[in-house]
Amino acid sequence: MEKLMRFGVAVPEKLLERFDEFLGRQKNTNRSEAIRQLIREAVARESWDLEDEEVYGTITITYDHHSHDANSELTSIQHDLGHVIICSTHIHVDHDHCLEVIVTRGKARIIRELVKELSVLRCIESVSPVITTII
């Protein structure tokens, strides 16, 4: 286990009260763990903006599989950027719609490129990336 470092944080009283209320609703009574999680999230968001930072995550897409060439366009993009795709899961939501979750690992700029290429396809109804990093 990594060594924990202690440091002091001064915040306005009302802000700390709101934070404690938030922790109560989250059923998390440990301020330290909550602050560690907030720091992890901030670092992960920054990693998404750094070109060569390695990131991990998922890209969830929904699309109408009846759209012209939807499957071939998605397959082509995933083959072109397959070196950052770990796996994908395809779900038939209803008669017309599919949901796909693509698990990724790679340089942030390549994952952003994948998200962009998926976003511009006419068949795609939504693209939702969730990206993190290991710290």
N, C-alpha and C. Protein backbone atom coordinates (compact mmCIF):
# COMPACT_ATOMS: atom_id res chain seq x y z
N MET A 1 0.85 -1.18 0.00
CA MET A 1 0.00 0.00 0.00
C MET A 1 0.89 1.24 0.00
N GLU A 2 0.48 2.21 -0.75
CA GLU A 2 1.23 3.46 -0.86
C GLU A 2 1.16 4.25 0.45
N LYS A 3 2.27 4.91 0.77
CA LYS A 3 2.34 5.73 1.98
C LYS A 3 1.38 6.90 1.88
N LEU A 4 0.63 7.15 2.94
CA LEU A 4 -0.29 8.28 2.98
C LEU A 4 0.44 9.49 3.57
N MET A 5 0.20 10.65 2.99
CA MET A 5 0.78 11.90 3.46
C MET A 5 -0.32 12.74 4.08
N ARG A 6 -0.04 13.35 5.19
CA ARG A 6 -1.01 14.22 5.86
C ARG A 6 -0.73 15.67 5.50
N PHE A 7 -1.82 16.45 5.34
CA PHE A 7 -1.69 17.88 5.10
C PHE A 7 -2.93 18.55 5.65
N GLY A 8 -2.84 19.83 5.95
CA GLY A 8 -3.98 20.58 6.49
C GLY A 8 -4.70 21.32 5.38
N VAL A 9 -5.99 21.43 5.53
CA VAL A 9 -6.79 22.16 4.56
C VAL A 9 -7.70 23.11 5.34
N ALA A 10 -7.65 24.36 5.00
CA ALA A 10 -8.52 25.35 5.64
C ALA A 10 -9.63 25.71 4.66
N VAL A 11 -10.87 25.58 5.11
CA VAL A 11 -12.03 25.92 4.27
C VAL A 11 -13.01 26.73 5.11
N PRO A 12 -13.83 27.53 4.47
CA PRO A 12 -14.85 28.26 5.22
C PRO A 12 -15.80 27.29 5.93
N GLU A 13 -16.27 27.70 7.08
CA GLU A 13 -17.12 26.85 7.91
C GLU A 13 -18.36 26.36 7.16
N LYS A 14 -19.04 27.26 6.46
CA LYS A 14 -20.26 26.87 5.75
C LYS A 14 -19.96 25.84 4.65
N LEU A 15 -18.82 25.99 3.99
CA LEU A 15 -18.43 25.03 2.95
C LEU A 15 -18.19 23.66 3.58
N LEU A 16 -17.52 23.62 4.72
CA LEU A 16 -17.28 22.36 5.41
C LEU A 16 -18.60 21.72 5.87
N GLU A 17 -19.53 22.54 6.34
CA GLU A 17 -20.84 22.01 6.73
C GLU A 17 -21.54 21.37 5.54
N ARG A 18 -21.52 22.05 4.40
CA ARG A 18 -22.14 21.50 3.18
C ARG A 18 -21.44 20.20 2.76
N PHE A 19 -20.11 20.18 2.88
CA PHE A 19 -19.36 18.99 2.52
C PHE A 19 -19.75 17.83 3.44
N ASP A 20 -19.86 18.09 4.72
CA ASP A 20 -20.27 17.05 5.66
C ASP A 20 -21.69 16.56 5.36
N GLU A 21 -22.59 17.47 4.99
CA GLU A 21 -23.94 17.06 4.59
C GLU A 21 -23.89 16.17 3.35
N PHE A 22 -23.06 16.56 2.39
CA PHE A 22 -22.85 15.76 1.18
C PHE A 22 -22.36 14.36 1.55
N LEU A 23 -21.37 14.30 2.45
CA LEU A 23 -20.85 13.00 2.86
C LEU A 23 -21.93 12.16 3.54
N GLY A 24 -22.78 12.80 4.31
CA GLY A 24 -23.88 12.08 4.96
C GLY A 24 -24.84 11.47 3.96
N ARG A 25 -25.14 12.21 2.91
CA ARG A 25 -26.03 11.69 1.86
C ARG A 25 -25.35 10.57 1.07
N GLN A 26 -24.05 10.64 0.95
CA GLN A 26 -23.30 9.62 0.22
C GLN A 26 -23.00 8.41 1.10
N LYS A 27 -23.37 8.50 2.36
CA LYS A 27 -23.10 7.46 3.34
C LYS A 27 -21.59 7.23 3.49
N ASN A 28 -20.85 8.29 3.27
CA ASN A 28 -19.40 8.25 3.41
C ASN A 28 -19.03 9.20 4.55
N THR A 29 -18.63 8.66 5.66
CA THR A 29 -18.35 9.50 6.82
C THR A 29 -16.88 9.87 6.94
N ASN A 30 -16.07 9.46 5.99
CA ASN A 30 -14.64 9.68 6.07
C ASN A 30 -14.24 10.83 5.14
N ARG A 31 -13.93 11.98 5.72
CA ARG A 31 -13.52 13.15 4.92
C ARG A 31 -12.28 12.86 4.09
N SER A 32 -11.32 12.16 4.67
CA SER A 32 -10.06 11.89 3.97
C SER A 32 -10.30 11.12 2.68
N GLU A 33 -11.09 10.06 2.78
CA GLU A 33 -11.34 9.27 1.56
C GLU A 33 -12.11 10.09 0.52
N ALA A 34 -13.05 10.90 0.97
CA ALA A 34 -13.81 11.75 0.04
C ALA A 34 -12.89 12.75 -0.66
N ILE A 35 -11.97 13.35 0.07
CA ILE A 35 -11.03 14.30 -0.53
C ILE A 35 -10.09 13.58 -1.49
N ARG A 36 -9.61 12.37 -1.11
CA ARG A 36 -8.77 11.59 -2.03
C ARG A 36 -9.51 11.32 -3.34
N GLN A 37 -10.79 10.97 -3.24
CA GLN A 37 -11.57 10.68 -4.44
C GLN A 37 -11.73 11.94 -5.30
N LEU A 38 -11.97 13.08 -4.69
CA LEU A 38 -12.08 14.33 -5.44
C LEU A 38 -10.77 14.66 -6.15
N ILE A 39 -9.65 14.42 -5.48
CA ILE A 39 -8.34 14.66 -6.10
C ILE A 39 -8.14 13.71 -7.28
N ARG A 40 -8.48 12.43 -7.11
CA ARG A 40 -8.35 11.47 -8.21
C ARG A 40 -9.17 11.92 -9.42
N GLU A 41 -10.40 12.37 -9.17
CA GLU A 41 -11.26 12.83 -10.27
C GLU A 41 -10.66 14.04 -10.97
N ALA A 42 -10.09 14.97 -10.22
CA ALA A 42 -9.48 16.17 -10.83
C ALA A 42 -8.27 15.78 -11.67
N VAL A 43 -7.45 14.87 -11.17
CA VAL A 43 -6.27 14.43 -11.92
C VAL A 43 -6.70 13.68 -13.18
N ALA A 44 -7.74 12.86 -13.09
CA ALA A 44 -8.24 12.13 -14.26
C ALA A 44 -8.75 13.10 -15.32
N ARG A 45 -9.47 14.15 -14.89
CA ARG A 45 -9.96 15.16 -15.86
C ARG A 45 -8.79 15.84 -16.56
N GLU A 46 -7.75 16.16 -15.80
CA GLU A 46 -6.58 16.79 -16.41
C GLU A 46 -5.88 15.83 -17.36
N SER A 47 -5.81 14.55 -17.01
CA SER A 47 -5.17 13.55 -17.86
C SER A 47 -5.84 13.48 -19.23
N TRP A 48 -7.13 13.68 -19.26
CA TRP A 48 -7.89 13.67 -20.51
C TRP A 48 -7.41 14.78 -21.44
N ASP A 49 -6.92 15.89 -20.87
CA ASP A 49 -6.46 17.02 -21.67
C ASP A 49 -4.99 16.91 -22.09
N LEU A 50 -4.24 16.01 -21.46
CA LEU A 50 -2.82 15.86 -21.78
C LEU A 50 -2.67 14.87 -22.94
N GLU A 51 -1.89 15.23 -23.93
CA GLU A 51 -1.76 14.45 -25.16
C GLU A 51 -1.30 13.02 -24.93
N ASP A 52 -0.22 12.85 -24.18
CA ASP A 52 0.42 11.54 -24.08
C ASP A 52 0.15 10.81 -22.78
N GLU A 53 -0.77 11.31 -21.99
CA GLU A 53 -1.12 10.64 -20.73
C GLU A 53 -1.90 9.36 -21.04
N GLU A 54 -1.57 8.28 -20.35
CA GLU A 54 -2.33 7.04 -20.54
C GLU A 54 -3.61 7.12 -19.72
N VAL A 55 -4.72 6.86 -20.37
CA VAL A 55 -6.02 6.89 -19.71
C VAL A 55 -6.75 5.57 -19.96
N TYR A 56 -7.71 5.32 -19.13
CA TYR A 56 -8.55 4.13 -19.22
C TYR A 56 -10.00 4.60 -19.19
N GLY A 57 -10.88 3.81 -19.74
CA GLY A 57 -12.27 4.21 -19.61
C GLY A 57 -13.20 3.44 -20.52
N THR A 58 -14.39 4.00 -20.62
CA THR A 58 -15.42 3.43 -21.48
C THR A 58 -15.99 4.52 -22.37
N ILE A 59 -16.44 4.09 -23.51
CA ILE A 59 -17.20 4.98 -24.39
C ILE A 59 -18.52 4.25 -24.65
N THR A 60 -19.60 4.83 -24.17
CA THR A 60 -20.92 4.23 -24.37
C THR A 60 -21.60 4.95 -25.52
N ILE A 61 -22.04 4.18 -26.50
CA ILE A 61 -22.73 4.77 -27.65
C ILE A 61 -24.09 4.11 -27.81
N THR A 62 -25.03 4.89 -28.32
CA THR A 62 -26.32 4.35 -28.74
C THR A 62 -26.51 4.71 -30.19
N TYR A 63 -27.17 3.82 -30.92
CA TYR A 63 -27.38 4.09 -32.34
C TYR A 63 -28.54 3.27 -32.88
N ASP A 64 -29.06 3.73 -34.00
CA ASP A 64 -30.11 3.03 -34.73
C ASP A 64 -29.41 2.09 -35.70
N HIS A 65 -29.52 0.80 -35.46
CA HIS A 65 -28.79 -0.13 -36.31
C HIS A 65 -29.40 -0.26 -37.71
N HIS A 66 -30.55 0.36 -37.93
CA HIS A 66 -31.13 0.36 -39.28
C HIS A 66 -30.53 1.46 -40.16
N SER A 67 -29.78 2.38 -39.54
CA SER A 67 -29.14 3.44 -40.32
C SER A 67 -28.23 2.83 -41.36
N HIS A 68 -28.16 3.50 -42.49
CA HIS A 68 -27.34 3.05 -43.61
C HIS A 68 -25.89 2.81 -43.18
N ASP A 69 -25.40 1.61 -43.33
CA ASP A 69 -24.01 1.24 -43.06
C ASP A 69 -23.56 1.45 -41.62
N ALA A 70 -24.48 1.48 -40.67
CA ALA A 70 -24.11 1.71 -39.27
C ALA A 70 -23.09 0.69 -38.79
N ASN A 71 -23.39 -0.58 -38.99
CA ASN A 71 -22.49 -1.62 -38.48
C ASN A 71 -21.13 -1.58 -39.16
N SER A 72 -21.10 -1.38 -40.48
CA SER A 72 -19.80 -1.37 -41.16
C SER A 72 -18.97 -0.15 -40.78
N GLU A 73 -19.62 1.01 -40.59
CA GLU A 73 -18.88 2.21 -40.17
C GLU A 73 -18.30 2.03 -38.77
N LEU A 74 -19.09 1.50 -37.85
CA LEU A 74 -18.60 1.28 -36.49
C LEU A 74 -17.47 0.25 -36.47
N THR A 75 -17.63 -0.81 -37.22
CA THR A 75 -16.59 -1.84 -37.29
C THR A 75 -15.30 -1.28 -37.86
N SER A 76 -15.41 -0.47 -38.90
CA SER A 76 -14.23 0.12 -39.53
C SER A 76 -13.46 1.01 -38.55
N ILE A 77 -14.17 1.88 -37.86
CA ILE A 77 -13.52 2.76 -36.88
C ILE A 77 -12.86 1.94 -35.78
N GLN A 78 -13.56 0.92 -35.29
CA GLN A 78 -13.01 0.12 -34.20
C GLN A 78 -11.80 -0.68 -34.66
N HIS A 79 -11.77 -1.11 -35.91
CA HIS A 79 -10.59 -1.80 -36.42
C HIS A 79 -9.43 -0.83 -36.60
N ASP A 80 -9.71 0.37 -37.09
CA ASP A 80 -8.65 1.36 -37.29
C ASP A 80 -8.00 1.77 -35.97
N LEU A 81 -8.78 1.82 -34.90
CA LEU A 81 -8.26 2.25 -33.59
C LEU A 81 -8.26 1.10 -32.59
N GLY A 82 -8.19 -0.11 -33.11
CA GLY A 82 -8.24 -1.30 -32.27
C GLY A 82 -7.13 -1.41 -31.24
N HIS A 83 -6.02 -0.74 -31.48
CA HIS A 83 -4.90 -0.82 -30.53
C HIS A 83 -5.21 -0.14 -29.19
N VAL A 84 -6.27 0.66 -29.11
CA VAL A 84 -6.66 1.27 -27.83
C VAL A 84 -7.96 0.68 -27.29
N ILE A 85 -8.55 -0.26 -28.02
CA ILE A 85 -9.80 -0.89 -27.59
C ILE A 85 -9.48 -2.24 -26.96
N ILE A 86 -9.86 -2.38 -25.70
CA ILE A 86 -9.64 -3.63 -24.99
C ILE A 86 -10.73 -4.63 -25.35
N CYS A 87 -11.98 -4.17 -25.30
CA CYS A 87 -13.12 -5.01 -25.67
C CYS A 87 -14.34 -4.13 -25.85
N SER A 88 -15.40 -4.72 -26.38
CA SER A 88 -16.66 -3.99 -26.48
C SER A 88 -17.81 -4.96 -26.23
N THR A 89 -18.90 -4.40 -25.75
CA THR A 89 -20.11 -5.17 -25.47
C THR A 89 -21.25 -4.54 -26.23
N HIS A 90 -21.99 -5.35 -26.94
CA HIS A 90 -23.09 -4.88 -27.77
C HIS A 90 -24.40 -5.40 -27.19
N ILE A 91 -25.36 -4.49 -27.01
CA ILE A 91 -26.65 -4.85 -26.44
C ILE A 91 -27.76 -4.37 -27.38
N HIS A 92 -28.71 -5.24 -27.66
CA HIS A 92 -29.88 -4.87 -28.45
C HIS A 92 -30.91 -4.29 -27.49
N VAL A 93 -31.10 -2.98 -27.54
CA VAL A 93 -32.00 -2.30 -26.61
C VAL A 93 -33.46 -2.57 -26.98
N ASP A 94 -33.78 -2.40 -28.23
CA ASP A 94 -35.11 -2.71 -28.74
C ASP A 94 -34.96 -3.07 -30.22
N HIS A 95 -36.06 -3.13 -30.93
CA HIS A 95 -36.02 -3.56 -32.33
C HIS A 95 -35.13 -2.66 -33.20
N ASP A 96 -35.03 -1.39 -32.85
CA ASP A 96 -34.31 -0.44 -33.70
C ASP A 96 -32.97 0.03 -33.13
N HIS A 97 -32.78 -0.07 -31.83
CA HIS A 97 -31.64 0.59 -31.20
C HIS A 97 -30.67 -0.39 -30.54
N CYS A 98 -29.40 0.00 -30.59
CA CYS A 98 -28.34 -0.77 -29.94
C CYS A 98 -27.58 0.14 -29.00
N LEU A 99 -27.02 -0.46 -27.98
CA LEU A 99 -26.13 0.22 -27.05
C LEU A 99 -24.83 -0.56 -27.08
N GLU A 100 -23.73 0.15 -27.18
CA GLU A 100 -22.43 -0.51 -27.20
C GLU A 100 -21.53 0.20 -26.20
N VAL A 101 -20.80 -0.60 -25.41
CA VAL A 101 -19.83 -0.07 -24.47
C VAL A 101 -18.45 -0.53 -24.93
N ILE A 102 -17.59 0.44 -25.18
CA ILE A 102 -16.25 0.17 -25.67
C ILE A 102 -15.27 0.48 -24.54
N VAL A 103 -14.51 -0.51 -24.12
CA VAL A 103 -13.53 -0.32 -23.05
C VAL A 103 -12.19 0.02 -23.69
N THR A 104 -11.58 1.11 -23.21
CA THR A 104 -10.36 1.62 -23.84
C THR A 104 -9.20 1.77 -22.87
N ARG A 105 -8.02 1.76 -23.46
CA ARG A 105 -6.78 2.03 -22.73
C ARG A 105 -5.77 2.55 -23.73
N GLY A 106 -5.23 3.74 -23.46
CA GLY A 106 -4.24 4.28 -24.37
C GLY A 106 -3.99 5.76 -24.14
N LYS A 107 -3.25 6.36 -25.05
CA LYS A 107 -2.94 7.79 -24.98
C LYS A 107 -4.23 8.59 -25.09
N ALA A 108 -4.32 9.64 -24.28
CA ALA A 108 -5.54 10.45 -24.25
C ALA A 108 -5.90 10.98 -25.63
N ARG A 109 -4.91 11.42 -26.40
CA ARG A 109 -5.21 11.99 -27.73
C ARG A 109 -5.82 10.94 -28.66
N ILE A 110 -5.43 9.68 -28.53
CA ILE A 110 -5.98 8.62 -29.38
C ILE A 110 -7.41 8.30 -28.95
N ILE A 111 -7.66 8.25 -27.65
CA ILE A 111 -9.01 7.98 -27.16
C ILE A 111 -9.93 9.13 -27.56
N ARG A 112 -9.44 10.38 -27.46
CA ARG A 112 -10.24 11.54 -27.91
C ARG A 112 -10.55 11.42 -29.41
N GLU A 113 -9.59 10.96 -30.18
CA GLU A 113 -9.80 10.76 -31.62
C GLU A 113 -10.90 9.73 -31.86
N LEU A 114 -10.87 8.64 -31.10
CA LEU A 114 -11.91 7.63 -31.22
C LEU A 114 -13.28 8.21 -30.91
N VAL A 115 -13.38 8.98 -29.82
CA VAL A 115 -14.65 9.61 -29.45
C VAL A 115 -15.13 10.53 -30.57
N LYS A 116 -14.22 11.32 -31.13
CA LYS A 116 -14.58 12.25 -32.20
C LYS A 116 -15.08 11.51 -33.43
N GLU A 117 -14.37 10.45 -33.82
CA GLU A 117 -14.78 9.70 -35.00
C GLU A 117 -16.15 9.05 -34.81
N LEU A 118 -16.42 8.56 -33.62
CA LEU A 118 -17.74 7.99 -33.34
C LEU A 118 -18.81 9.07 -33.36
N SER A 119 -18.49 10.24 -32.81
CA SER A 119 -19.46 11.32 -32.69
C SER A 119 -19.96 11.85 -34.03
N VAL A 120 -19.14 11.78 -35.05
CA VAL A 120 -19.53 12.36 -36.34
C VAL A 120 -20.32 11.39 -37.22
N LEU A 121 -20.45 10.15 -36.81
CA LEU A 121 -21.24 9.21 -37.60
C LEU A 121 -22.72 9.57 -37.51
N ARG A 122 -23.39 9.57 -38.63
CA ARG A 122 -24.82 9.94 -38.65
C ARG A 122 -25.69 8.95 -37.89
N CYS A 123 -25.27 7.71 -37.82
CA CYS A 123 -26.08 6.69 -37.15
C CYS A 123 -26.03 6.80 -35.63
N ILE A 124 -25.03 7.47 -35.10
CA ILE A 124 -24.84 7.56 -33.65
C ILE A 124 -25.81 8.56 -33.05
N GLU A 125 -26.51 8.12 -32.01
CA GLU A 125 -27.44 9.01 -31.31
C GLU A 125 -26.81 9.64 -30.08
N SER A 126 -25.91 8.91 -29.40
CA SER A 126 -25.23 9.48 -28.24
C SER A 126 -23.87 8.83 -28.08
N VAL A 127 -22.92 9.63 -27.59
CA VAL A 127 -21.57 9.16 -27.27
C VAL A 127 -21.23 9.71 -25.90
N SER A 128 -20.93 8.82 -24.95
CA SER A 128 -20.65 9.22 -23.57
C SER A 128 -19.35 8.59 -23.08
N PRO A 129 -18.24 9.34 -23.18
CA PRO A 129 -16.99 8.79 -22.64
C PRO A 129 -16.89 8.98 -21.14
N VAL A 130 -16.33 8.00 -20.46
CA VAL A 130 -16.00 8.10 -19.04
C VAL A 130 -14.54 7.68 -18.95
N ILE A 131 -13.69 8.63 -18.60
CA ILE A 131 -12.26 8.40 -18.64
C ILE A 131 -11.66 8.59 -17.25
N THR A 132 -10.67 7.75 -16.94
CA THR A 132 -9.95 7.89 -15.68
C THR A 132 -8.49 7.55 -15.92
N THR A 133 -7.71 7.65 -14.88
CA THR A 133 -6.30 7.28 -14.94
C THR A 133 -5.95 6.55 -13.66
N ILE A 134 -4.90 5.81 -13.70
CA ILE A 134 -4.46 5.08 -12.51
C ILE A 134 -3.36 5.92 -11.85
N ILE A 135 -3.55 6.24 -10.58
CA ILE A 135 -2.60 7.06 -9.85
C ILE A 135 -2.09 6.29 -8.66
